[in-house]
Each structure stands twice: as structure tokens, then as C-alpha cells.
Amino acid sequence: MGRNFILRKVEIERGALPLLEELTIGPSPLLNEVPSGIRHLRNLKVLANYDMPAEFVLGIQPNGGSDYRKVKHVPSVLFWYRVQGRQYVMYKLGELDLLDHLQGTSTTNITVGIASGLVSVKTMMKQIRASPPLLHGMMPIG
């Protein structure tokens, strides 16, 4: 039987994981801030966050987030939220739809990924890049 851990804080030490390119966090409802030391992950290309609390998300927003400086070097910061069963809504850092979602007023112009558990971010990114630009509404992935 697996163990469940409750994360409240994550620290990444300087020199740890120097080649890491993708990091997935969540769901961690009690983790209210981005891991300290994430700025040390200089090769990080994708930071994917699943079902994270509003405090976490607001803290890393480009316009006024107190922890934005920690993630500004990461080219792709994504947020995935479960909306129905196995469907996930994806938002990018700074999108207004993400802030609407956190307030419970999400619009329908969103991309929904159907995932069985957490599918590799790399796989989903390839599928998203292969999709037509400016695609609105629901899109099955997988």
C-alpha cells in the first residue's frame, strides 16, 4: 500500500539536480509557495503544476507575485486543474483564464486534456504543439 505525504514546504539546494529539465508538482493542497531554491535549476524548461492552491499560483504570477523571480527563468510554467473525472484544464503562467479559474469564473475558451493519471508533460507538450494554433474549447489528448 502506498503512502501519502502532505507537503507544506520543498527546498532545492544549490547544485542539486543540475540537468533537470522538467519538474511536476502536485497535487499538494498545503504547498503555498514555489519550492525555495527552484532558481538553482538553471536547465529547467517546464514546470508543470497539478491542482495547486491559489496562494501557490498567485505567488508566482508575473504581475506582482512575490515569488515570480524564482520561476522567471523557466520558459514554460503550466497549471493543470481537474475539471471532470479524468479531464484536465491547462493554463499558462500569466493567463487571465488561470486567474478566472482560481476565482471560480473560468471561461469556456480553454484547452482540456483527458489524461489517465498524470501523463508525461513532455508527451502532452508535443501534442499541444502539434495542435492548430489558437484552438479554443475542449480538445481530447491521448
C-alpha atoms as a PDB file:
ATOM      1  CA  MET A   1       0.000   0.000   0.000  1.00  0.00           C
ATOM      2  CA  GLY A   2       1.403   3.397  -0.984  1.00  0.00           C
ATOM      3  CA  ARG A   3       1.989   6.198   1.458  1.00  0.00           C
ATOM      4  CA  ASN A   4       0.590   9.669   1.071  1.00  0.00           C
ATOM      5  CA  PHE A   5       2.697  12.609   2.139  1.00  0.00           C
ATOM      6  CA  ILE A   6       1.490  16.088   2.949  1.00  0.00           C
ATOM      7  CA  LEU A   7       3.886  18.691   1.571  1.00  0.00           C
ATOM      8  CA  ARG A   8       3.997  22.089   3.205  1.00  0.00           C
ATOM      9  CA  LYS A   9       7.453  23.161   2.036  1.00  0.00           C
ATOM     10  CA  VAL A  10      10.043  21.975  -0.510  1.00  0.00           C
ATOM     11  CA  GLU A  11      13.657  23.114  -0.630  1.00  0.00           C
ATOM     12  CA  ILE A  12      16.050  22.602  -3.536  1.00  0.00           C
ATOM     13  CA  GLU A  13      19.682  23.035  -2.635  1.00  0.00           C
ATOM     14  CA  ARG A  14      22.215  24.744  -4.887  1.00  0.00           C
ATOM     15  CA  GLY A  15      23.864  22.133  -7.115  1.00  0.00           C
ATOM     16  CA  ALA A  16      21.002  19.638  -6.754  1.00  0.00           C
ATOM     17  CA  LEU A  17      19.525  18.248  -9.977  1.00  0.00           C
ATOM     18  CA  PRO A  18      21.704  20.308 -12.347  1.00  0.00           C
ATOM     19  CA  LEU A  19      20.393  18.604 -15.506  1.00  0.00           C
ATOM     20  CA  LEU A  20      16.691  18.564 -14.587  1.00  0.00           C
ATOM     21  CA  GLU A  21      14.584  19.915 -17.473  1.00  0.00           C
ATOM     22  CA  GLU A  22      11.029  19.080 -16.342  1.00  0.00           C
ATOM     23  CA  LEU A  23       9.543  19.261 -12.852  1.00  0.00           C
ATOM     24  CA  THR A  24       5.990  18.277 -11.923  1.00  0.00           C
ATOM     25  CA  ILE A  25       4.464  19.413  -8.647  1.00  0.00           C
ATOM     26  CA  GLY A  26       1.113  18.410  -7.170  1.00  0.00           C
ATOM     27  CA  PRO A  27      -1.475  17.943  -6.252  1.00  0.00           C
ATOM     28  CA  SER A  28      -0.218  19.449  -2.999  1.00  0.00           C
ATOM     29  CA  PRO A  29      -3.029  21.478  -1.418  1.00  0.00           C
ATOM     30  CA  LEU A  30      -0.895  22.648   1.520  1.00  0.00           C
ATOM     31  CA  LEU A  31       2.128  23.760  -0.533  1.00  0.00           C
ATOM     32  CA  ASN A  32       1.517  27.511  -0.683  1.00  0.00           C
ATOM     33  CA  GLU A  33       4.763  28.661  -2.270  1.00  0.00           C
ATOM     34  CA  VAL A  34       7.084  27.532  -5.039  1.00  0.00           C
ATOM     35  CA  PRO A  35       9.973  25.395  -3.748  1.00  0.00           C
ATOM     36  CA  SER A  36      12.768  27.540  -2.406  1.00  0.00           C
ATOM     37  CA  GLY A  37      15.888  27.086  -4.471  1.00  0.00           C
ATOM     38  CA  ILE A  38      13.996  26.415  -7.720  1.00  0.00           C
ATOM     39  CA  ARG A  39      16.015  29.294  -9.165  1.00  0.00           C
ATOM     40  CA  HIS A  40      19.059  26.982  -8.908  1.00  0.00           C
ATOM     41  CA  LEU A  41      17.538  24.670 -11.550  1.00  0.00           C
ATOM     42  CA  ARG A  42      19.086  26.584 -14.457  1.00  0.00           C
ATOM     43  CA  ASN A  43      18.239  23.894 -17.063  1.00  0.00           C
ATOM     44  CA  LEU A  44      14.564  23.704 -16.090  1.00  0.00           C
ATOM     45  CA  LYS A  45      12.424  24.090 -19.218  1.00  0.00           C
ATOM     46  CA  VAL A  46       8.980  23.003 -17.954  1.00  0.00           C
ATOM     47  CA  LEU A  47       7.404  23.477 -14.542  1.00  0.00           C
ATOM     48  CA  ALA A  48       4.043  21.668 -14.500  1.00  0.00           C
ATOM     49  CA  ASN A  49       1.743  22.207 -11.534  1.00  0.00           C
ATOM     50  CA  TYR A  50      -1.291  19.991 -10.888  1.00  0.00           C
ATOM     51  CA  ASP A  51      -4.228  21.127  -8.761  1.00  0.00           C
ATOM     52  CA  MET A  52      -2.200  23.620  -6.756  1.00  0.00           C
ATOM     53  CA  PRO A  53      -3.793  26.081  -4.295  1.00  0.00           C
ATOM     54  CA  ALA A  54      -4.456  29.703  -5.200  1.00  0.00           C
ATOM     55  CA  GLU A  55      -1.742  31.029  -2.860  1.00  0.00           C
ATOM     56  CA  PHE A  56       0.880  28.999  -4.750  1.00  0.00           C
ATOM     57  CA  VAL A  57      -0.317  30.218  -8.156  1.00  0.00           C
ATOM     58  CA  LEU A  58      -0.743  33.867  -7.183  1.00  0.00           C
ATOM     59  CA  GLY A  59       2.712  33.946  -5.631  1.00  0.00           C
ATOM     60  CA  ILE A  60       4.418  33.246  -8.966  1.00  0.00           C
ATOM     61  CA  GLN A  61       2.344  35.482 -11.245  1.00  0.00           C
ATOM     62  CA  PRO A  62       4.413  37.841 -13.448  1.00  0.00           C
ATOM     63  CA  ASN A  63       2.435  40.917 -12.387  1.00  0.00           C
ATOM     64  CA  GLY A  64       3.038  41.246  -8.683  1.00  0.00           C
ATOM     65  CA  GLY A  65       3.712  37.710  -7.479  1.00  0.00           C
ATOM     66  CA  SER A  66       6.182  37.767  -4.597  1.00  0.00           C
ATOM     67  CA  ASP A  67       7.936  34.600  -5.853  1.00  0.00           C
ATOM     68  CA  TYR A  68       7.905  35.334  -9.600  1.00  0.00           C
ATOM     69  CA  ARG A  69      11.654  35.993  -9.563  1.00  0.00           C
ATOM     70  CA  LYS A  70      12.152  32.322  -8.599  1.00  0.00           C
ATOM     71  CA  VAL A  71      10.493  30.997 -11.774  1.00  0.00           C
ATOM     72  CA  LYS A  72      11.078  33.740 -14.351  1.00  0.00           C
ATOM     73  CA  HIS A  73      13.959  31.714 -15.878  1.00  0.00           C
ATOM     74  CA  VAL A  74      11.612  28.785 -16.682  1.00  0.00           C
ATOM     75  CA  PRO A  75      10.343  29.061 -20.293  1.00  0.00           C
ATOM     76  CA  SER A  76       7.125  27.083 -19.729  1.00  0.00           C
ATOM     77  CA  VAL A  77       5.190  27.235 -16.452  1.00  0.00           C
ATOM     78  CA  LEU A  78       1.920  25.320 -16.746  1.00  0.00           C
ATOM     79  CA  PHE A  79      -1.018  24.703 -14.438  1.00  0.00           C
ATOM     80  CA  TRP A  80      -3.353  21.726 -14.795  1.00  0.00           C
ATOM     81  CA  TYR A  81      -6.667  21.521 -12.938  1.00  0.00           C
ATOM     82  CA  ARG A  82      -9.032  18.549 -12.861  1.00  0.00           C
ATOM     83  CA  VAL A  83     -12.462  19.627 -14.042  1.00  0.00           C
ATOM     84  CA  GLN A  84     -14.427  16.423 -14.615  1.00  0.00           C
ATOM     85  CA  GLY A  85     -13.297  12.942 -13.739  1.00  0.00           C
ATOM     86  CA  ARG A  86     -10.195  12.443 -15.865  1.00  0.00           C
ATOM     87  CA  GLN A  87     -10.305  15.783 -17.702  1.00  0.00           C
ATOM     88  CA  TYR A  88      -7.753  18.487 -17.007  1.00  0.00           C
ATOM     89  CA  VAL A  89      -7.768  22.159 -17.938  1.00  0.00           C
ATOM     90  CA  MET A  90      -4.356  23.624 -18.809  1.00  0.00           C
ATOM     91  CA  TYR A  91      -3.316  27.228 -18.250  1.00  0.00           C
ATOM     92  CA  LYS A  92      -0.030  29.031 -18.814  1.00  0.00           C
ATOM     93  CA  LEU A  93       1.563  31.341 -16.275  1.00  0.00           C
ATOM     94  CA  GLY A  94       0.109  34.834 -16.565  1.00  0.00           C
ATOM     95  CA  GLU A  95      -3.077  33.870 -18.451  1.00  0.00           C
ATOM     96  CA  LEU A  96      -6.200  35.705 -17.341  1.00  0.00           C
ATOM     97  CA  ASP A  97      -8.191  32.469 -17.643  1.00  0.00           C
ATOM     98  CA  LEU A  98      -5.986  30.993 -14.906  1.00  0.00           C
ATOM     99  CA  LEU A  99      -6.890  33.817 -12.542  1.00  0.00           C
ATOM    100  CA  ASP A 100     -10.561  33.438 -13.513  1.00  0.00           C
ATOM    101  CA  HIS A 101     -10.331  29.717 -12.724  1.00  0.00           C
ATOM    102  CA  LEU A 102      -8.920  30.462  -9.279  1.00  0.00           C
ATOM    103  CA  GLN A 103     -11.874  32.777  -8.650  1.00  0.00           C
ATOM    104  CA  GLY A 104     -14.325  30.166  -9.935  1.00  0.00           C
ATOM    105  CA  THR A 105     -15.276  32.114 -13.074  1.00  0.00           C
ATOM    106  CA  SER A 106     -13.375  30.163 -15.707  1.00  0.00           C
ATOM    107  CA  THR A 107     -14.424  30.729 -19.317  1.00  0.00           C
ATOM    108  CA  THR A 108     -15.001  28.041 -21.918  1.00  0.00           C
ATOM    109  CA  ASN A 109     -12.044  29.113 -24.078  1.00  0.00           C
ATOM    110  CA  ILE A 110      -9.733  26.548 -22.567  1.00  0.00           C
ATOM    111  CA  THR A 111      -7.798  23.500 -23.571  1.00  0.00           C
ATOM    112  CA  VAL A 112      -8.835  20.329 -21.799  1.00  0.00           C
ATOM    113  CA  GLY A 113      -6.598  17.304 -21.701  1.00  0.00           C
ATOM    114  CA  ILE A 114      -8.037  13.887 -20.986  1.00  0.00           C
ATOM    115  CA  ALA A 115      -5.394  12.064 -19.032  1.00  0.00           C
ATOM    116  CA  SER A 116      -5.225   8.753 -17.252  1.00  0.00           C
ATOM    117  CA  GLY A 117      -3.391   9.903 -14.193  1.00  0.00           C
ATOM    118  CA  LEU A 118      -0.506  12.248 -14.850  1.00  0.00           C
ATOM    119  CA  VAL A 119       0.725  11.737 -18.372  1.00  0.00           C
ATOM    120  CA  SER A 120       4.271  12.843 -19.065  1.00  0.00           C
ATOM    121  CA  VAL A 121       4.457  16.600 -19.546  1.00  0.00           C
ATOM    122  CA  LYS A 122       6.803  16.035 -22.475  1.00  0.00           C
ATOM    123  CA  THR A 123       4.170  13.907 -24.259  1.00  0.00           C
ATOM    124  CA  MET A 124       1.421  16.446 -23.628  1.00  0.00           C
ATOM    125  CA  MET A 125       3.627  19.330 -24.756  1.00  0.00           C
ATOM    126  CA  LYS A 126       4.316  17.533 -28.059  1.00  0.00           C
ATOM    127  CA  GLN A 127       0.583  17.023 -28.577  1.00  0.00           C
ATOM    128  CA  ILE A 128      -0.214  20.635 -27.737  1.00  0.00           C
ATOM    129  CA  ARG A 129       2.472  21.933 -30.118  1.00  0.00           C
ATOM    130  CA  ALA A 130       1.076  19.700 -32.890  1.00  0.00           C
ATOM    131  CA  SER A 131      -2.414  21.176 -32.422  1.00  0.00           C
ATOM    132  CA  PRO A 132      -3.681  24.015 -34.595  1.00  0.00           C
ATOM    133  CA  PRO A 133      -2.832  27.449 -33.166  1.00  0.00           C
ATOM    134  CA  LEU A 134      -5.488  29.394 -31.265  1.00  0.00           C
ATOM    135  CA  LEU A 135      -7.547  26.261 -30.638  1.00  0.00           C
ATOM    136  CA  HIS A 136     -10.440  27.048 -28.315  1.00  0.00           C
ATOM    137  CA  GLY A 137     -12.761  24.791 -26.414  1.00  0.00           C
ATOM    138  CA  MET A 138     -12.219  21.226 -25.353  1.00  0.00           C
ATOM    139  CA  MET A 139      -9.579  19.090 -27.014  1.00  0.00           C
ATOM    140  CA  PRO A 140      -9.062  15.407 -26.182  1.00  0.00           C
ATOM    141  CA  ILE A 141      -5.445  14.433 -25.653  1.00  0.00           C
ATOM    142  CA  GLY A 142      -4.345  10.844 -25.773  1.00  0.00           C
END
